[in-house]
Amino acid sequence: MDIERAKEIVNSPDYITVTYNGTPVHIDQIFESAPYAEVRYENGSITNALVRELKEERCCSEW
């Protein structure tokens, strides 16, 4: 994922599924001075992740 898309997700009113290393996370903030984001796991633990390693899960293929 790129930083601009990560910012869009943070500011979106919609729930957008994001994973880090295959695990769902919530992006809490983007660090503009470095390519990192603070992410929170479902269990509440927080870590810093490279934004490029975050994956947006696309839902539902359109037919």
PDB file of N, CA and C in Angstrom:
ATOM      1  N   MET A   1       0.853  -1.161   0.000  1.00  0.00           N
ATOM      2  CA  MET A   1       0.000   0.000   0.000  1.00  0.00           C
ATOM      3  C   MET A   1       0.902   1.228   0.000  1.00  0.00           C
ATOM      4  N   ASP A   2       0.441   2.295  -0.618  1.00  0.00           N
ATOM      5  CA  ASP A   2       1.223   3.529  -0.561  1.00  0.00           C
ATOM      6  C   ASP A   2       0.660   4.457   0.526  1.00  0.00           C
ATOM      7  N   ILE A   3       1.439   5.448   0.881  1.00  0.00           N
ATOM      8  CA  ILE A   3       1.060   6.344   1.981  1.00  0.00           C
ATOM      9  C   ILE A   3      -0.239   7.083   1.689  1.00  0.00           C
ATOM     10  N   GLU A   4      -0.430   7.507   0.461  1.00  0.00           N
ATOM     11  CA  GLU A   4      -1.662   8.248   0.131  1.00  0.00           C
ATOM     12  C   GLU A   4      -2.899   7.381   0.354  1.00  0.00           C
ATOM     13  N   ARG A   5      -2.835   6.105  -0.045  1.00  0.00           N
ATOM     14  CA  ARG A   5      -3.985   5.223   0.165  1.00  0.00           C
ATOM     15  C   ARG A   5      -4.199   4.971   1.658  1.00  0.00           C
ATOM     16  N   ALA A   6      -3.120   4.816   2.401  1.00  0.00           N
ATOM     17  CA  ALA A   6      -3.241   4.626   3.851  1.00  0.00           C
ATOM     18  C   ALA A   6      -3.939   5.829   4.490  1.00  0.00           C
ATOM     19  N   LYS A   7      -3.590   7.033   4.063  1.00  0.00           N
ATOM     20  CA  LYS A   7      -4.248   8.241   4.582  1.00  0.00           C
ATOM     21  C   LYS A   7      -5.732   8.240   4.246  1.00  0.00           C
ATOM     22  N   GLU A   8      -6.072   7.823   3.017  1.00  0.00           N
ATOM     23  CA  GLU A   8      -7.478   7.760   2.627  1.00  0.00           C
ATOM     24  C   GLU A   8      -8.249   6.798   3.530  1.00  0.00           C
ATOM     25  N   ILE A   9      -7.635   5.667   3.844  1.00  0.00           N
ATOM     26  CA  ILE A   9      -8.290   4.676   4.697  1.00  0.00           C
ATOM     27  C   ILE A   9      -8.493   5.236   6.101  1.00  0.00           C
ATOM     28  N   VAL A  10      -7.474   5.899   6.646  1.00  0.00           N
ATOM     29  CA  VAL A  10      -7.586   6.488   7.985  1.00  0.00           C
ATOM     30  C   VAL A  10      -8.723   7.504   8.026  1.00  0.00           C
ATOM     31  N   ASN A  11      -8.876   8.278   6.978  1.00  0.00           N
ATOM     32  CA  ASN A  11      -9.888   9.344   6.956  1.00  0.00           C
ATOM     33  C   ASN A  11     -11.252   8.892   6.438  1.00  0.00           C
ATOM     34  N   SER A  12     -11.371   7.652   6.023  1.00  0.00           N
ATOM     35  CA  SER A  12     -12.621   7.163   5.453  1.00  0.00           C
ATOM     36  C   SER A  12     -13.658   6.878   6.541  1.00  0.00           C
ATOM     37  N   PRO A  13     -14.918   7.233   6.282  1.00  0.00           N
ATOM     38  CA  PRO A  13     -15.986   6.886   7.228  1.00  0.00           C
ATOM     39  C   PRO A  13     -16.356   5.404   7.123  1.00  0.00           C
ATOM     40  N   ASP A  14     -15.904   4.746   6.045  1.00  0.00           N
ATOM     41  CA  ASP A  14     -16.216   3.339   5.826  1.00  0.00           C
ATOM     42  C   ASP A  14     -15.192   2.446   6.512  1.00  0.00           C
ATOM     43  N   TYR A  15     -15.604   1.228   6.835  1.00  0.00           N
ATOM     44  CA  TYR A  15     -14.677   0.251   7.385  1.00  0.00           C
ATOM     45  C   TYR A  15     -13.981  -0.420   6.209  1.00  0.00           C
ATOM     46  N   ILE A  16     -12.681  -0.319   6.154  1.00  0.00           N
ATOM     47  CA  ILE A  16     -11.892  -0.926   5.089  1.00  0.00           C
ATOM     48  C   ILE A  16     -10.933  -1.909   5.746  1.00  0.00           C
ATOM     49  N   THR A  17     -11.010  -3.161   5.331  1.00  0.00           N
ATOM     50  CA  THR A  17     -10.181  -4.200   5.931  1.00  0.00           C
ATOM     51  C   THR A  17      -8.741  -4.074   5.452  1.00  0.00           C
ATOM     52  N   VAL A  18      -7.836  -3.997   6.421  1.00  0.00           N
ATOM     53  CA  VAL A  18      -6.411  -3.902   6.153  1.00  0.00           C
ATOM     54  C   VAL A  18      -5.724  -5.016   6.941  1.00  0.00           C
ATOM     55  N   THR A  19      -4.723  -5.650   6.327  1.00  0.00           N
ATOM     56  CA  THR A  19      -3.961  -6.671   7.032  1.00  0.00           C
ATOM     57  C   THR A  19      -2.485  -6.312   7.047  1.00  0.00           C
ATOM     58  N   TYR A  20      -1.816  -6.814   8.078  1.00  0.00           N
ATOM     59  CA  TYR A  20      -0.370  -6.693   8.207  1.00  0.00           C
ATOM     60  C   TYR A  20       0.151  -8.089   8.505  1.00  0.00           C
ATOM     61  N   ASN A  21       0.972  -8.595   7.618  1.00  0.00           N
ATOM     62  CA  ASN A  21       1.465  -9.977   7.733  1.00  0.00           C
ATOM     63  C   ASN A  21       0.311 -10.975   7.850  1.00  0.00           C
ATOM     64  N   GLY A  22      -0.774 -10.701   7.121  1.00  0.00           N
ATOM     65  CA  GLY A  22      -1.908 -11.616   7.085  1.00  0.00           C
ATOM     66  C   GLY A  22      -2.898 -11.483   8.224  1.00  0.00           C
ATOM     67  N   THR A  23      -2.652 -10.562   9.149  1.00  0.00           N
ATOM     68  CA  THR A  23      -3.529 -10.374  10.308  1.00  0.00           C
ATOM     69  C   THR A  23      -4.263  -9.044  10.192  1.00  0.00           C
ATOM     70  N   PRO A  24      -5.581  -9.034  10.419  1.00  0.00           N
ATOM     71  CA  PRO A  24      -6.330  -7.772  10.348  1.00  0.00           C
ATOM     72  C   PRO A  24      -5.823  -6.752  11.368  1.00  0.00           C
ATOM     73  N   VAL A  25      -5.711  -5.501  10.920  1.00  0.00           N
ATOM     74  CA  VAL A  25      -5.279  -4.408  11.785  1.00  0.00           C
ATOM     75  C   VAL A  25      -6.104  -3.167  11.483  1.00  0.00           C
ATOM     76  N   HIS A  26      -6.064  -2.219  12.409  1.00  0.00           N
ATOM     77  CA  HIS A  26      -6.661  -0.902  12.216  1.00  0.00           C
ATOM     78  C   HIS A  26      -5.516   0.096  12.168  1.00  0.00           C
ATOM     79  N   ILE A  27      -5.512   0.962  11.161  1.00  0.00           N
ATOM     80  CA  ILE A  27      -4.470   1.983  11.070  1.00  0.00           C
ATOM     81  C   ILE A  27      -4.859   3.127  11.988  1.00  0.00           C
ATOM     82  N   ASP A  28      -4.040   3.379  13.010  1.00  0.00           N
ATOM     83  CA  ASP A  28      -4.310   4.465  13.946  1.00  0.00           C
ATOM     84  C   ASP A  28      -3.765   5.793  13.450  1.00  0.00           C
ATOM     85  N   GLN A  29      -2.553   5.772  12.884  1.00  0.00           N
ATOM     86  CA  GLN A  29      -1.975   7.007  12.367  1.00  0.00           C
ATOM     87  C   GLN A  29      -0.876   6.702  11.370  1.00  0.00           C
ATOM     88  N   ILE A  30      -0.602   7.690  10.531  1.00  0.00           N
ATOM     89  CA  ILE A  30       0.468   7.616   9.536  1.00  0.00           C
ATOM     90  C   ILE A  30       1.554   8.579   9.968  1.00  0.00           C
ATOM     91  N   PHE A  31       2.794   8.128   9.936  1.00  0.00           N
ATOM     92  CA  PHE A  31       3.922   9.006  10.241  1.00  0.00           C
ATOM     93  C   PHE A  31       4.430   9.592   8.927  1.00  0.00           C
ATOM     94  N   GLU A  32       4.204  10.866   8.726  1.00  0.00           N
ATOM     95  CA  GLU A  32       4.540  11.519   7.456  1.00  0.00           C
ATOM     96  C   GLU A  32       6.037  11.602   7.220  1.00  0.00           C
ATOM     97  N   SER A  33       6.833  11.648   8.294  1.00  0.00           N
ATOM     98  CA  SER A  33       8.279  11.800   8.140  1.00  0.00           C
ATOM     99  C   SER A  33       8.977  10.472   7.842  1.00  0.00           C
ATOM    100  N   ALA A  34       8.272   9.374   7.949  1.00  0.00           N
ATOM    101  CA  ALA A  34       8.833   8.052   7.673  1.00  0.00           C
ATOM    102  C   ALA A  34       7.726   7.191   7.061  1.00  0.00           C
ATOM    103  N   PRO A  35       8.096   6.148   6.346  1.00  0.00           N
ATOM    104  CA  PRO A  35       7.066   5.331   5.678  1.00  0.00           C
ATOM    105  C   PRO A  35       6.409   4.317   6.612  1.00  0.00           C
ATOM    106  N   TYR A  36       6.075   4.754   7.823  1.00  0.00           N
ATOM    107  CA  TYR A  36       5.488   3.863   8.819  1.00  0.00           C
ATOM    108  C   TYR A  36       4.087   4.311   9.221  1.00  0.00           C
ATOM    109  N   ALA A  37       3.328   3.328   9.717  1.00  0.00           N
ATOM    110  CA  ALA A  37       2.009   3.593  10.288  1.00  0.00           C
ATOM    111  C   ALA A  37       1.932   2.890  11.629  1.00  0.00           C
ATOM    112  N   GLU A  38       1.215   3.504  12.547  1.00  0.00           N
ATOM    113  CA  GLU A  38       0.913   2.830  13.808  1.00  0.00           C
ATOM    114  C   GLU A  38      -0.357   2.026  13.577  1.00  0.00           C
ATOM    115  N   VAL A  39      -0.283   0.722  13.824  1.00  0.00           N
ATOM    116  CA  VAL A  39      -1.442  -0.142  13.611  1.00  0.00           C
ATOM    117  C   VAL A  39      -1.793  -0.868  14.900  1.00  0.00           C
ATOM    118  N   ARG A  40      -3.082  -1.169  15.033  1.00  0.00           N
ATOM    119  CA  ARG A  40      -3.586  -1.848  16.226  1.00  0.00           C
ATOM    120  C   ARG A  40      -4.234  -3.164  15.812  1.00  0.00           C
ATOM    121  N   TYR A  41      -3.822  -4.218  16.485  1.00  0.00           N
ATOM    122  CA  TYR A  41      -4.413  -5.538  16.255  1.00  0.00           C
ATOM    123  C   TYR A  41      -5.744  -5.639  16.990  1.00  0.00           C
ATOM    124  N   GLU A  42      -6.531  -6.643  16.632  1.00  0.00           N
ATOM    125  CA  GLU A  42      -7.833  -6.843  17.267  1.00  0.00           C
ATOM    126  C   GLU A  42      -7.713  -7.062  18.773  1.00  0.00           C
ATOM    127  N   ASN A  43      -6.581  -7.604  19.236  1.00  0.00           N
ATOM    128  CA  ASN A  43      -6.401  -7.845  20.669  1.00  0.00           C
ATOM    129  C   ASN A  43      -5.950  -6.594  21.425  1.00  0.00           C
ATOM    130  N   GLY A  44      -5.797  -5.477  20.690  1.00  0.00           N
ATOM    131  CA  GLY A  44      -5.443  -4.207  21.306  1.00  0.00           C
ATOM    132  C   GLY A  44      -3.963  -3.869  21.280  1.00  0.00           C
ATOM    133  N   SER A  45      -3.109  -4.821  20.931  1.00  0.00           N
ATOM    134  CA  SER A  45      -1.679  -4.513  20.875  1.00  0.00           C
ATOM    135  C   SER A  45      -1.386  -3.604  19.683  1.00  0.00           C
ATOM    136  N   ILE A  46      -0.371  -2.771  19.856  1.00  0.00           N
ATOM    137  CA  ILE A  46      -0.021  -1.753  18.860  1.00  0.00           C
ATOM    138  C   ILE A  46       1.410  -1.976  18.408  1.00  0.00           C
ATOM    139  N   THR A  47       1.639  -1.753  17.121  1.00  0.00           N
ATOM    140  CA  THR A  47       2.991  -1.826  16.564  1.00  0.00           C
ATOM    141  C   THR A  47       3.121  -0.817  15.439  1.00  0.00           C
ATOM    142  N   ASN A  48       4.347  -0.555  15.044  1.00  0.00           N
ATOM    143  CA  ASN A  48       4.612   0.268  13.869  1.00  0.00           C
ATOM    144  C   ASN A  48       4.912  -0.666  12.708  1.00  0.00           C
ATOM    145  N   ALA A  49       4.305  -0.364  11.562  1.00  0.00           N
ATOM    146  CA  ALA A  49       4.463  -1.209  10.384  1.00  0.00           C
ATOM    147  C   ALA A  49       4.854  -0.355   9.189  1.00  0.00           C
ATOM    148  N   LEU A  50       5.690  -0.912   8.329  1.00  0.00           N
ATOM    149  CA  LEU A  50       5.972  -0.231   7.069  1.00  0.00           C
ATOM    150  C   LEU A  50       4.668  -0.158   6.273  1.00  0.00           C
ATOM    151  N   VAL A  51       4.340   1.015   5.780  1.00  0.00           N
ATOM    152  CA  VAL A  51       3.091   1.185   5.038  1.00  0.00           C
ATOM    153  C   VAL A  51       3.064   0.254   3.830  1.00  0.00           C
ATOM    154  N   ARG A  52       4.189   0.063   3.176  1.00  0.00           N
ATOM    155  CA  ARG A  52       4.207  -0.784   1.980  1.00  0.00           C
ATOM    156  C   ARG A  52       3.891  -2.246   2.288  1.00  0.00           C
ATOM    157  N   GLU A  53       3.963  -2.636   3.566  1.00  0.00           N
ATOM    158  CA  GLU A  53       3.649  -4.010   3.951  1.00  0.00           C
ATOM    159  C   GLU A  53       2.182  -4.189   4.362  1.00  0.00           C
ATOM    160  N   LEU A  54       1.421  -3.096   4.398  1.00  0.00           N
ATOM    161  CA  LEU A  54      -0.007  -3.184   4.684  1.00  0.00           C
ATOM    162  C   LEU A  54      -0.737  -3.569   3.405  1.00  0.00           C
ATOM    163  N   LYS A  55      -1.729  -4.413   3.554  1.00  0.00           N
ATOM    164  CA  LYS A  55      -2.507  -4.871   2.401  1.00  0.00           C
ATOM    165  C   LYS A  55      -3.976  -4.530   2.618  1.00  0.00           C
ATOM    166  N   GLU A  56      -4.553  -3.915   1.598  1.00  0.00           N
ATOM    167  CA  GLU A  56      -5.993  -3.656   1.632  1.00  0.00           C
ATOM    168  C   GLU A  56      -6.691  -4.881   1.087  1.00  0.00           C
ATOM    169  N   GLU A  57      -7.630  -5.398   1.850  1.00  0.00           N
ATOM    170  CA  GLU A  57      -8.372  -6.575   1.413  1.00  0.00           C
ATOM    171  C   GLU A  57      -9.554  -6.116   0.576  1.00  0.00           C
ATOM    172  N   ARG A  58      -9.529  -6.497  -0.645  1.00  0.00           N
ATOM    173  CA  ARG A  58     -10.630  -6.143  -1.554  1.00  0.00           C
ATOM    174  C   ARG A  58     -11.777  -7.097  -1.349  1.00  0.00           C
ATOM    175  N   CYS A  59     -12.941  -6.550  -1.219  1.00  0.00           N
ATOM    176  CA  CYS A  59     -14.126  -7.368  -0.973  1.00  0.00           C
ATOM    177  C   CYS A  59     -14.925  -7.554  -2.257  1.00  0.00           C
ATOM    178  N   CYS A  60     -15.417  -8.697  -2.364  1.00  0.00           N
ATOM    179  CA  CYS A  60     -16.497  -8.988  -3.300  1.00  0.00           C
ATOM    180  C   CYS A  60     -16.186  -8.622  -4.745  1.00  0.00           C
ATOM    181  N   SER A  61     -15.970  -9.581  -5.547  1.00  0.00           N
ATOM    182  CA  SER A  61     -15.753  -9.295  -6.973  1.00  0.00           C
ATOM    183  C   SER A  61     -17.074  -8.904  -7.610  1.00  0.00           C
ATOM    184  N   GLU A  62     -17.000  -7.983  -8.527  1.00  0.00           N
ATOM    185  CA  GLU A  62     -18.223  -7.531  -9.213  1.00  0.00           C
ATOM    186  C   GLU A  62     -18.407  -8.331 -10.476  1.00  0.00           C
ATOM    187  N   TRP A  63     -19.627  -8.813 -10.671  1.00  0.00           N
ATOM    188  CA  TRP A  63     -19.917  -9.629 -11.846  1.00  0.00           C
ATOM    189  C   TRP A  63     -20.678  -8.844 -12.854  1.00  0.00           C
TER     190      TRP A  63
END
